[in-house]
Amino acid sequence: MTETVSPRVFQSTSQRGLDAELFPMRLWNKSKQVGIWDPQAIDFSRDAEDWRRASDLEKEVILHLTSLFQAGEESVVLDLLPLIQVIATEGRLEEEMYLTAFLWEEAKHVECFRRFLDEVTSDRSDLTRFHGPSYHAVFYQALPEAMGRLRDDPSPVAQAEASVVYNMIVEGVLAETGYHAYYQMLTENDLMPGMQAAVANLKRDESRHLAYGVYLLSRLVAEHGDPVWQAIEARMNTLLPMAIGTVGEIFAQYDSMPFGLELETFTGFAMNQFQRRYARIEKARGKDMKDILYGSAVET
């Protein structure tokens, strides 16, 4: 008896084709237009001079902040694939296409910070000494656990909880806040123009990643209602103290911070950005799906 095999359907050659107006496709187009930059092309020559002139405390703080970025970017590269697989399995081709750029951009971030460490600081020590308990709770536990869960549980609740960890906490609180402060630290002190250029590129990449996170969580809330929203709320309430704790751990290491860095600058910016996105996602409850899919309800 011959088994009947269902023919495979390729969306891009079907009547459906690709929907160029979907919000993820617009992010895909932005990645192609403004996300093409090469970490190897960054000129770190002046950065190396600035590093040599820096005090021991200044060097230690730069290494501290850079180590958090470096490990954080690597953790995202390591942990993102299960989410991409879930999106692919659901047949959301336009979203999957954007997520390929998402992963590629995160890999470039890993390369960029490692190049800075190798060529500017010449530091090959074990920088995990800077990873405190709250940082461990987020990057060593919460992120890999939430993303890894998707391999066996691709439910909307699991997707939402994974996106909260990644997009709202790792990117929306920690990465965005860190880049904001790091960039200000360098520009206001006229330091390391190579890293200034690199962080400007990183910030543009991360703005698209965050936009996708708001889109994904909004779509899940609009599609699946209160169970997903309640999971998002619970996860945010659990993780936000860990994120703010990670910021506090940086300042707790030093009697005084160089470069004019202040704890309130970090925490105030972090909470403002978090609350703004939280409110936008909450508005997805009861929204028309077309407003979500085509971006009018999720623009950032």
C-alpha atoms as a PDB file:
ATOM      1  CA  MET A   1       0.000   0.000   0.000  1.00  0.00           C
ATOM      2  CA  THR A   2       1.473   3.353  -1.026  1.00  0.00           C
ATOM      3  CA  GLU A   3       1.403   6.046   1.627  1.00  0.00           C
ATOM      4  CA  THR A   4      -0.025   9.361   0.517  1.00  0.00           C
ATOM      5  CA  VAL A   5       2.358  12.202   1.212  1.00  0.00           C
ATOM      6  CA  SER A   6       0.940  15.682   1.519  1.00  0.00           C
ATOM      7  CA  PRO A   7       2.680  18.006  -0.925  1.00  0.00           C
ATOM      8  CA  ARG A   8       4.869  20.625   0.624  1.00  0.00           C
ATOM      9  CA  VAL A   9       3.582  24.153   0.084  1.00  0.00           C
ATOM     10  CA  PHE A  10       6.024  26.991  -0.480  1.00  0.00           C
ATOM     11  CA  GLN A  11       4.418  30.274   0.497  1.00  0.00           C
ATOM     12  CA  SER A  12       6.547  32.368  -1.814  1.00  0.00           C
ATOM     13  CA  THR A  13       5.364  30.422  -4.900  1.00  0.00           C
ATOM     14  CA  SER A  14       1.765  30.106  -3.763  1.00  0.00           C
ATOM     15  CA  GLN A  15      -1.038  32.585  -4.363  1.00  0.00           C
ATOM     16  CA  ARG A  16      -0.261  34.047  -0.959  1.00  0.00           C
ATOM     17  CA  GLY A  17       3.264  35.147  -1.869  1.00  0.00           C
ATOM     18  CA  LEU A  18       4.962  37.571   0.518  1.00  0.00           C
ATOM     19  CA  ASP A  19       3.158  40.410   2.252  1.00  0.00           C
ATOM     20  CA  ALA A  20       5.582  43.317   1.997  1.00  0.00           C
ATOM     21  CA  GLU A  21       3.412  45.503   4.249  1.00  0.00           C
ATOM     22  CA  LEU A  22       3.604  43.281   7.315  1.00  0.00           C
ATOM     23  CA  PHE A  23       5.498  44.936  10.167  1.00  0.00           C
ATOM     24  CA  PRO A  24       8.256  42.255  10.280  1.00  0.00           C
ATOM     25  CA  MET A  25       8.867  42.743   6.547  1.00  0.00           C
ATOM     26  CA  ARG A  26       9.322  46.458   7.121  1.00  0.00           C
ATOM     27  CA  LEU A  27      11.888  45.628   9.812  1.00  0.00           C
ATOM     28  CA  TRP A  28      13.553  43.247   7.344  1.00  0.00           C
ATOM     29  CA  ASN A  29      13.819  46.068   4.811  1.00  0.00           C
ATOM     30  CA  LYS A  30      15.309  48.409   7.414  1.00  0.00           C
ATOM     31  CA  SER A  31      17.907  45.775   8.301  1.00  0.00           C
ATOM     32  CA  LYS A  32      18.972  45.601   4.671  1.00  0.00           C
ATOM     33  CA  GLN A  33      19.037  49.364   4.295  1.00  0.00           C
ATOM     34  CA  VAL A  34      20.681  50.565   7.526  1.00  0.00           C
ATOM     35  CA  GLY A  35      21.919  47.408   9.253  1.00  0.00           C
ATOM     36  CA  ILE A  36      24.799  46.616   6.907  1.00  0.00           C
ATOM     37  CA  TRP A  37      27.942  47.502   8.816  1.00  0.00           C
ATOM     38  CA  ASP A  38      31.123  45.541   9.376  1.00  0.00           C
ATOM     39  CA  PRO A  39      32.736  45.269  12.827  1.00  0.00           C
ATOM     40  CA  GLN A  40      36.066  44.756  11.058  1.00  0.00           C
ATOM     41  CA  ALA A  41      35.766  48.189   9.435  1.00  0.00           C
ATOM     42  CA  ILE A  42      35.638  50.066  12.756  1.00  0.00           C
ATOM     43  CA  ASP A  43      38.809  52.101  13.310  1.00  0.00           C
ATOM     44  CA  PHE A  44      39.948  51.471  16.888  1.00  0.00           C
ATOM     45  CA  SER A  45      43.354  53.204  16.596  1.00  0.00           C
ATOM     46  CA  ARG A  46      42.355  56.297  18.611  1.00  0.00           C
ATOM     47  CA  ASP A  47      40.507  54.035  21.075  1.00  0.00           C
ATOM     48  CA  ALA A  48      43.753  52.207  21.843  1.00  0.00           C
ATOM     49  CA  GLU A  49      45.466  55.540  22.555  1.00  0.00           C
ATOM     50  CA  ASP A  50      42.647  56.590  24.887  1.00  0.00           C
ATOM     51  CA  TRP A  51      42.874  53.227  26.651  1.00  0.00           C
ATOM     52  CA  ARG A  52      46.586  53.652  27.323  1.00  0.00           C
ATOM     53  CA  ARG A  53      45.956  57.088  28.869  1.00  0.00           C
ATOM     54  CA  ALA A  54      43.083  55.918  31.076  1.00  0.00           C
ATOM     55  CA  SER A  55      43.458  55.455  34.822  1.00  0.00           C
ATOM     56  CA  ASP A  56      43.293  52.000  36.394  1.00  0.00           C
ATOM     57  CA  LEU A  57      39.782  52.715  37.695  1.00  0.00           C
ATOM     58  CA  GLU A  58      38.606  53.931  34.298  1.00  0.00           C
ATOM     59  CA  LYS A  59      40.008  50.804  32.648  1.00  0.00           C
ATOM     60  CA  GLU A  60      38.310  48.576  35.196  1.00  0.00           C
ATOM     61  CA  VAL A  61      34.914  50.229  34.654  1.00  0.00           C
ATOM     62  CA  ILE A  62      35.228  50.031  30.867  1.00  0.00           C
ATOM     63  CA  LEU A  63      36.137  46.341  31.141  1.00  0.00           C
ATOM     64  CA  HIS A  64      33.216  45.790  33.524  1.00  0.00           C
ATOM     65  CA  LEU A  65      30.645  47.337  31.214  1.00  0.00           C
ATOM     66  CA  THR A  66      32.113  45.739  28.101  1.00  0.00           C
ATOM     67  CA  SER A  67      32.104  42.284  29.692  1.00  0.00           C
ATOM     68  CA  LEU A  68      28.372  42.583  30.385  1.00  0.00           C
ATOM     69  CA  PHE A  69      27.706  43.531  26.767  1.00  0.00           C
ATOM     70  CA  GLN A  70      30.004  40.817  25.414  1.00  0.00           C
ATOM     71  CA  ALA A  71      28.460  37.939  27.360  1.00  0.00           C
ATOM     72  CA  GLY A  72      24.959  39.301  26.885  1.00  0.00           C
ATOM     73  CA  GLU A  73      25.316  39.422  23.106  1.00  0.00           C
ATOM     74  CA  GLU A  74      26.795  35.921  23.025  1.00  0.00           C
ATOM     75  CA  SER A  75      23.968  34.563  25.159  1.00  0.00           C
ATOM     76  CA  VAL A  76      21.436  35.915  22.677  1.00  0.00           C
ATOM     77  CA  VAL A  77      23.244  34.268  19.753  1.00  0.00           C
ATOM     78  CA  LEU A  78      23.312  30.981  21.654  1.00  0.00           C
ATOM     79  CA  ASP A  79      19.680  31.090  22.776  1.00  0.00           C
ATOM     80  CA  LEU A  80      17.671  32.668  19.923  1.00  0.00           C
ATOM     81  CA  LEU A  81      17.366  29.650  17.610  1.00  0.00           C
ATOM     82  CA  PRO A  82      14.394  27.950  19.371  1.00  0.00           C
ATOM     83  CA  LEU A  83      12.266  31.063  18.874  1.00  0.00           C
ATOM     84  CA  ILE A  84      13.179  31.194  15.194  1.00  0.00           C
ATOM     85  CA  GLN A  85      12.244  27.508  14.857  1.00  0.00           C
ATOM     86  CA  VAL A  86       8.844  28.072  16.491  1.00  0.00           C
ATOM     87  CA  ILE A  87       8.084  30.986  14.163  1.00  0.00           C
ATOM     88  CA  ALA A  88       9.174  28.892  11.169  1.00  0.00           C
ATOM     89  CA  THR A  89       7.048  25.907  12.224  1.00  0.00           C
ATOM     90  CA  GLU A  90       4.000  28.157  12.499  1.00  0.00           C
ATOM     91  CA  GLY A  91       4.516  29.172   8.874  1.00  0.00           C
ATOM     92  CA  ARG A  92       5.207  32.850   9.558  1.00  0.00           C
ATOM     93  CA  LEU A  93       7.690  33.268   6.723  1.00  0.00           C
ATOM     94  CA  GLU A  94       7.882  37.048   6.847  1.00  0.00           C
ATOM     95  CA  GLU A  95       8.744  36.959  10.551  1.00  0.00           C
ATOM     96  CA  GLU A  96      11.298  34.210  10.038  1.00  0.00           C
ATOM     97  CA  MET A  97      12.963  36.227   7.287  1.00  0.00           C
ATOM     98  CA  TYR A  98      13.392  39.174   9.629  1.00  0.00           C
ATOM     99  CA  LEU A  99      14.689  36.939  12.426  1.00  0.00           C
ATOM    100  CA  THR A 100      17.518  35.733  10.194  1.00  0.00           C
ATOM    101  CA  ALA A 101      18.750  39.348  10.090  1.00  0.00           C
ATOM    102  CA  PHE A 102      18.108  39.615  13.832  1.00  0.00           C
ATOM    103  CA  LEU A 103      20.437  36.693  14.576  1.00  0.00           C
ATOM    104  CA  TRP A 104      23.067  37.901  12.088  1.00  0.00           C
ATOM    105  CA  GLU A 105      23.108  41.324  13.726  1.00  0.00           C
ATOM    106  CA  GLU A 106      23.520  39.847  17.198  1.00  0.00           C
ATOM    107  CA  ALA A 107      26.474  37.786  15.945  1.00  0.00           C
ATOM    108  CA  LYS A 108      28.102  40.970  14.634  1.00  0.00           C
ATOM    109  CA  HIS A 109      27.730  42.503  18.097  1.00  0.00           C
ATOM    110  CA  VAL A 110      29.634  39.585  19.605  1.00  0.00           C
ATOM    111  CA  GLU A 111      32.416  40.073  17.073  1.00  0.00           C
ATOM    112  CA  CYS A 112      32.540  43.831  17.654  1.00  0.00           C
ATOM    113  CA  PHE A 113      32.995  43.710  21.429  1.00  0.00           C
ATOM    114  CA  ARG A 114      35.516  40.884  21.241  1.00  0.00           C
ATOM    115  CA  ARG A 115      37.538  42.859  18.712  1.00  0.00           C
ATOM    116  CA  PHE A 116      37.499  45.844  21.087  1.00  0.00           C
ATOM    117  CA  LEU A 117      38.727  43.665  23.948  1.00  0.00           C
ATOM    118  CA  ASP A 118      41.461  42.088  21.830  1.00  0.00           C
ATOM    119  CA  GLU A 119      42.730  45.122  19.943  1.00  0.00           C
ATOM    120  CA  VAL A 120      42.063  48.019  22.318  1.00  0.00           C
ATOM    121  CA  THR A 121      42.312  46.614  25.839  1.00  0.00           C
ATOM    122  CA  SER A 122      44.457  43.562  24.968  1.00  0.00           C
ATOM    123  CA  ASP A 123      42.627  41.844  27.810  1.00  0.00           C
ATOM    124  CA  ARG A 124      42.411  38.037  27.670  1.00  0.00           C
ATOM    125  CA  SER A 125      41.524  37.564  31.336  1.00  0.00           C
ATOM    126  CA  ASP A 126      38.381  35.849  32.602  1.00  0.00           C
ATOM    127  CA  LEU A 127      35.880  38.706  32.565  1.00  0.00           C
ATOM    128  CA  THR A 128      33.140  36.610  34.139  1.00  0.00           C
ATOM    129  CA  ARG A 129      34.449  38.085  37.393  1.00  0.00           C
ATOM    130  CA  PHE A 130      32.177  41.026  36.606  1.00  0.00           C
ATOM    131  CA  HIS A 131      29.007  38.894  36.367  1.00  0.00           C
ATOM    132  CA  GLY A 132      27.119  39.328  39.625  1.00  0.00           C
ATOM    133  CA  PRO A 133      24.164  37.347  41.059  1.00  0.00           C
ATOM    134  CA  SER A 134      21.445  39.335  39.288  1.00  0.00           C
ATOM    135  CA  TYR A 135      23.302  39.123  35.982  1.00  0.00           C
ATOM    136  CA  HIS A 136      23.630  35.354  36.488  1.00  0.00           C
ATOM    137  CA  ALA A 137      19.912  35.073  37.232  1.00  0.00           C
ATOM    138  CA  VAL A 138      19.045  36.704  33.905  1.00  0.00           C
ATOM    139  CA  PHE A 139      21.716  35.496  31.469  1.00  0.00           C
ATOM    140  CA  TYR A 140      22.797  32.177  32.946  1.00  0.00           C
ATOM    141  CA  GLN A 141      19.324  31.005  33.982  1.00  0.00           C
ATOM    142  CA  ALA A 142      16.203  32.905  32.893  1.00  0.00           C
ATOM    143  CA  LEU A 143      17.158  33.504  29.239  1.00  0.00           C
ATOM    144  CA  PRO A 144      18.432  30.016  28.302  1.00  0.00           C
ATOM    145  CA  GLU A 145      15.632  28.348  30.266  1.00  0.00           C
ATOM    146  CA  ALA A 146      12.856  30.385  28.632  1.00  0.00           C
ATOM    147  CA  MET A 147      14.266  29.965  25.130  1.00  0.00           C
ATOM    148  CA  GLY A 148      15.118  26.298  25.631  1.00  0.00           C
ATOM    149  CA  ARG A 149      11.585  25.572  26.804  1.00  0.00           C
ATOM    150  CA  LEU A 150      10.324  26.431  23.306  1.00  0.00           C
ATOM    151  CA  ARG A 151      11.900  23.244  21.933  1.00  0.00           C
ATOM    152  CA  ASP A 152       9.254  21.204  23.753  1.00  0.00           C
ATOM    153  CA  ASP A 153       6.576  23.786  24.466  1.00  0.00           C
ATOM    154  CA  PRO A 154       5.847  26.174  21.575  1.00  0.00           C
ATOM    155  CA  SER A 155       2.600  27.387  23.175  1.00  0.00           C
ATOM    156  CA  PRO A 156       1.640  31.075  23.005  1.00  0.00           C
ATOM    157  CA  VAL A 157       2.302  31.437  26.742  1.00  0.00           C
ATOM    158  CA  ALA A 158       5.792  29.944  26.391  1.00  0.00           C
ATOM    159  CA  GLN A 159       6.527  32.211  23.427  1.00  0.00           C
ATOM    160  CA  ALA A 160       5.342  35.263  25.360  1.00  0.00           C
ATOM    161  CA  GLU A 161       7.415  34.400  28.425  1.00  0.00           C
ATOM    162  CA  ALA A 162      10.509  33.849  26.275  1.00  0.00           C
ATOM    163  CA  SER A 163       9.973  37.170  24.506  1.00  0.00           C
ATOM    164  CA  VAL A 164       9.557  38.986  27.827  1.00  0.00           C
ATOM    165  CA  VAL A 165      12.932  37.692  29.008  1.00  0.00           C
ATOM    166  CA  TYR A 166      14.684  38.440  25.759  1.00  0.00           C
ATOM    167  CA  ASN A 167      13.046  41.531  24.297  1.00  0.00           C
ATOM    168  CA  MET A 168      11.652  43.341  27.325  1.00  0.00           C
ATOM    169  CA  ILE A 169      14.333  42.553  29.925  1.00  0.00           C
ATOM    170  CA  VAL A 170      17.588  41.627  28.171  1.00  0.00           C
ATOM    171  CA  GLU A 171      17.217  44.101  25.318  1.00  0.00           C
ATOM    172  CA  GLY A 172      14.643  46.607  26.578  1.00  0.00           C
ATOM    173  CA  VAL A 173      16.034  47.175  30.064  1.00  0.00           C
ATOM    174  CA  LEU A 174      19.635  45.979  30.149  1.00  0.00           C
ATOM    175  CA  ALA A 175      21.037  46.342  26.639  1.00  0.00           C
ATOM    176  CA  GLU A 176      19.279  49.555  25.680  1.00  0.00           C
ATOM    177  CA  THR A 177      20.055  51.200  29.014  1.00  0.00           C
ATOM    178  CA  GLY A 178      23.652  50.027  28.917  1.00  0.00           C
ATOM    179  CA  TYR A 179      24.223  51.275  25.378  1.00  0.00           C
ATOM    180  CA  HIS A 180      22.629  54.602  26.214  1.00  0.00           C
ATOM    181  CA  ALA A 181      24.916  55.163  29.200  1.00  0.00           C
ATOM    182  CA  TYR A 182      28.003  53.724  27.492  1.00  0.00           C
ATOM    183  CA  TYR A 183      27.521  55.970  24.469  1.00  0.00           C
ATOM    184  CA  GLN A 184      26.959  59.056  26.619  1.00  0.00           C
ATOM    185  CA  MET A 185      30.033  58.203  28.693  1.00  0.00           C
ATOM    186  CA  LEU A 186      32.212  58.115  25.582  1.00  0.00           C
ATOM    187  CA  THR A 187      30.748  61.088  23.733  1.00  0.00           C
ATOM    188  CA  GLU A 188      30.615  63.449  26.717  1.00  0.00           C
ATOM    189  CA  ASN A 189      34.253  62.665  27.562  1.00  0.00           C
ATOM    190  CA  ASP A 190      35.435  62.672  23.918  1.00  0.00           C
ATOM    191  CA  LEU A 191      36.737  59.116  24.216  1.00  0.00           C
ATOM    192  CA  MET A 192      37.133  56.171  21.856  1.00  0.00           C
ATOM    193  CA  PRO A 193      35.524  57.341  18.601  1.00  0.00           C
ATOM    194  CA  GLY A 194      35.683  53.817  17.193  1.00  0.00           C
ATOM    195  CA  MET A 195      33.524  52.432  19.965  1.00  0.00           C
ATOM    196  CA  GLN A 196      31.247  55.470  19.674  1.00  0.00           C
ATOM    197  CA  ALA A 197      30.642  54.539  16.019  1.00  0.00           C
ATOM    198  CA  ALA A 198      30.171  50.879  16.916  1.00  0.00           C
ATOM    199  CA  VAL A 199      27.623  51.634  19.640  1.00  0.00           C
ATOM    200  CA  ALA A 200      25.696  53.945  17.307  1.00  0.00           C
ATOM    201  CA  ASN A 201      25.334  50.976  14.934  1.00  0.00           C
ATOM    202  CA  LEU A 202      24.434  48.646  17.787  1.00  0.00           C
ATOM    203  CA  LYS A 203      21.735  50.997  19.039  1.00  0.00           C
ATOM    204  CA  ARG A 204      20.121  51.125  15.594  1.00  0.00           C
ATOM    205  CA  ASP A 205      20.136  47.331  15.400  1.00  0.00           C
ATOM    206  CA  GLU A 206      18.666  46.988  18.873  1.00  0.00           C
ATOM    207  CA  SER A 207      15.882  49.478  18.096  1.00  0.00           C
ATOM    208  CA  ARG A 208      14.657  47.088  15.394  1.00  0.00           C
ATOM    209  CA  HIS A 209      14.984  44.085  17.707  1.00  0.00           C
ATOM    210  CA  LEU A 210      12.925  45.846  20.353  1.00  0.00           C
ATOM    211  CA  ALA A 211      10.320  46.823  17.779  1.00  0.00           C
ATOM    212  CA  TYR A 212       9.962  43.170  16.835  1.00  0.00           C
ATOM    213  CA  GLY A 213       9.633  42.201  20.498  1.00  0.00           C
ATOM    214  CA  VAL A 214       6.783  44.674  21.003  1.00  0.00           C
ATOM    215  CA  TYR A 215       5.185  43.357  17.808  1.00  0.00           C
ATOM    216  CA  LEU A 216       5.494  39.691  18.845  1.00  0.00           C
ATOM    217  CA  LEU A 217       4.107  40.228  22.338  1.00  0.00           C
ATOM    218  CA  SER A 218       1.313  42.426  20.975  1.00  0.00           C
ATOM    219  CA  ARG A 219       0.409  39.802  18.389  1.00  0.00           C
ATOM    220  CA  LEU A 220       0.322  37.053  21.010  1.00  0.00           C
ATOM    221  CA  VAL A 221      -1.855  39.168  23.320  1.00  0.00           C
ATOM    222  CA  ALA A 222      -4.248  40.112  20.512  1.00  0.00           C
ATOM    223  CA  GLU A 223      -4.489  36.500  19.323  1.00  0.00           C
ATOM    224  CA  HIS A 224      -4.754  34.698  22.653  1.00  0.00           C
ATOM    225  CA  GLY A 225      -6.073  37.202  25.152  1.00  0.00           C
ATOM    226  CA  ASP A 226      -5.900  37.139  28.942  1.00  0.00           C
ATOM    227  CA  PRO A 227      -3.885  33.921  29.483  1.00  0.00           C
ATOM    228  CA  VAL A 228      -0.989  35.385  27.521  1.00  0.00           C
ATOM    229  CA  TRP A 229      -1.309  38.844  29.036  1.00  0.00           C
ATOM    230  CA  GLN A 230      -1.351  37.404  32.560  1.00  0.00           C
ATOM    231  CA  ALA A 231       1.771  35.361  31.781  1.00  0.00           C
ATOM    232  CA  ILE A 232       3.495  38.491  30.476  1.00  0.00           C
ATOM    233  CA  GLU A 233       2.601  40.464  33.603  1.00  0.00           C
ATOM    234  CA  ALA A 234       3.798  37.730  35.942  1.00  0.00           C
ATOM    235  CA  ARG A 235       7.061  37.265  34.077  1.00  0.00           C
ATOM    236  CA  MET A 236       7.773  40.987  33.970  1.00  0.00           C
ATOM    237  CA  ASN A 237       7.121  41.346  37.707  1.00  0.00           C
ATOM    238  CA  THR A 238       9.566  38.535  38.415  1.00  0.00           C
ATOM    239  CA  LEU A 239      12.336  39.679  36.105  1.00  0.00           C
ATOM    240  CA  LEU A 240      12.318  43.451  36.404  1.00  0.00           C
ATOM    241  CA  PRO A 241      13.910  43.420  39.897  1.00  0.00           C
ATOM    242  CA  MET A 242      16.670  41.176  38.524  1.00  0.00           C
ATOM    243  CA  ALA A 243      17.323  43.630  35.698  1.00  0.00           C
ATOM    244  CA  ILE A 244      17.438  46.640  38.009  1.00  0.00           C
ATOM    245  CA  GLY A 245      19.589  44.566  40.368  1.00  0.00           C
ATOM    246  CA  THR A 246      22.072  43.998  37.561  1.00  0.00           C
ATOM    247  CA  VAL A 247      22.410  47.763  37.154  1.00  0.00           C
ATOM    248  CA  GLY A 248      22.887  48.167  40.887  1.00  0.00           C
ATOM    249  CA  GLU A 249      25.614  45.537  40.927  1.00  0.00           C
ATOM    250  CA  ILE A 250      27.733  47.663  38.596  1.00  0.00           C
ATOM    251  CA  PHE A 251      27.743  50.668  40.911  1.00  0.00           C
ATOM    252  CA  ALA A 252      28.116  48.577  44.075  1.00  0.00           C
ATOM    253  CA  GLN A 253      31.595  47.526  42.931  1.00  0.00           C
ATOM    254  CA  TYR A 254      33.042  51.050  43.136  1.00  0.00           C
ATOM    255  CA  ASP A 255      33.277  53.733  45.789  1.00  0.00           C
ATOM    256  CA  SER A 256      33.000  56.361  43.065  1.00  0.00           C
ATOM    257  CA  MET A 257      32.324  56.003  39.368  1.00  0.00           C
ATOM    258  CA  PRO A 258      34.459  57.740  36.735  1.00  0.00           C
ATOM    259  CA  PHE A 259      33.199  59.436  33.558  1.00  0.00           C
ATOM    260  CA  GLY A 260      30.327  61.118  35.397  1.00  0.00           C
ATOM    261  CA  LEU A 261      28.297  57.899  35.513  1.00  0.00           C
ATOM    262  CA  GLU A 262      25.357  58.007  37.939  1.00  0.00           C
ATOM    263  CA  LEU A 263      23.056  55.192  39.025  1.00  0.00           C
ATOM    264  CA  GLU A 264      19.964  57.354  38.544  1.00  0.00           C
ATOM    265  CA  THR A 265      20.864  57.855  34.873  1.00  0.00           C
ATOM    266  CA  PHE A 266      20.764  54.111  34.330  1.00  0.00           C
ATOM    267  CA  THR A 267      17.687  53.272  36.391  1.00  0.00           C
ATOM    268  CA  GLY A 268      15.611  56.281  35.320  1.00  0.00           C
ATOM    269  CA  PHE A 269      16.182  55.649  31.623  1.00  0.00           C
ATOM    270  CA  ALA A 270      15.548  51.913  32.071  1.00  0.00           C
ATOM    271  CA  MET A 271      12.226  52.339  33.842  1.00  0.00           C
ATOM    272  CA  ASN A 272      10.973  54.979  31.397  1.00  0.00           C
ATOM    273  CA  GLN A 273      11.679  52.788  28.369  1.00  0.00           C
ATOM    274  CA  PHE A 274      10.249  49.692  30.053  1.00  0.00           C
ATOM    275  CA  GLN A 275       7.015  51.387  31.088  1.00  0.00           C
ATOM    276  CA  ARG A 276       6.517  52.895  27.638  1.00  0.00           C
ATOM    277  CA  ARG A 277       6.741  49.486  25.936  1.00  0.00           C
ATOM    278  CA  TYR A 278       4.730  47.773  28.651  1.00  0.00           C
ATOM    279  CA  ALA A 279       1.875  50.220  28.062  1.00  0.00           C
ATOM    280  CA  ARG A 280       2.041  49.681  24.304  1.00  0.00           C
ATOM    281  CA  ILE A 281       1.790  45.904  24.683  1.00  0.00           C
ATOM    282  CA  GLU A 282      -1.107  46.217  27.118  1.00  0.00           C
ATOM    283  CA  LYS A 283      -3.013  48.220  24.502  1.00  0.00           C
ATOM    284  CA  ALA A 284      -2.962  45.155  22.240  1.00  0.00           C
ATOM    285  CA  ARG A 285      -5.685  43.589  24.388  1.00  0.00           C
ATOM    286  CA  GLY A 286      -8.780  43.597  22.204  1.00  0.00           C
ATOM    287  CA  LYS A 287      -7.014  45.313  19.304  1.00  0.00           C
ATOM    288  CA  ASP A 288      -7.883  44.431  15.726  1.00  0.00           C
ATOM    289  CA  MET A 289      -5.227  42.014  14.448  1.00  0.00           C
ATOM    290  CA  LYS A 290      -4.700  44.121  11.343  1.00  0.00           C
ATOM    291  CA  ASP A 291      -3.489  46.986  13.543  1.00  0.00           C
ATOM    292  CA  ILE A 292      -0.881  44.652  15.023  1.00  0.00           C
ATOM    293  CA  LEU A 293       0.229  42.850  11.866  1.00  0.00           C
ATOM    294  CA  TYR A 294       0.687  46.039   9.874  1.00  0.00           C
ATOM    295  CA  GLY A 295       2.303  48.010  12.642  1.00  0.00           C
ATOM    296  CA  SER A 296      -0.025  50.878  13.498  1.00  0.00           C
ATOM    297  CA  ALA A 297      -0.397  49.581  17.068  1.00  0.00           C
ATOM    298  CA  VAL A 298       3.247  48.648  17.653  1.00  0.00           C
ATOM    299  CA  GLU A 299       5.356  51.420  16.147  1.00  0.00           C
ATOM    300  CA  THR A 300       8.242  52.367  18.444  1.00  0.00           C
END
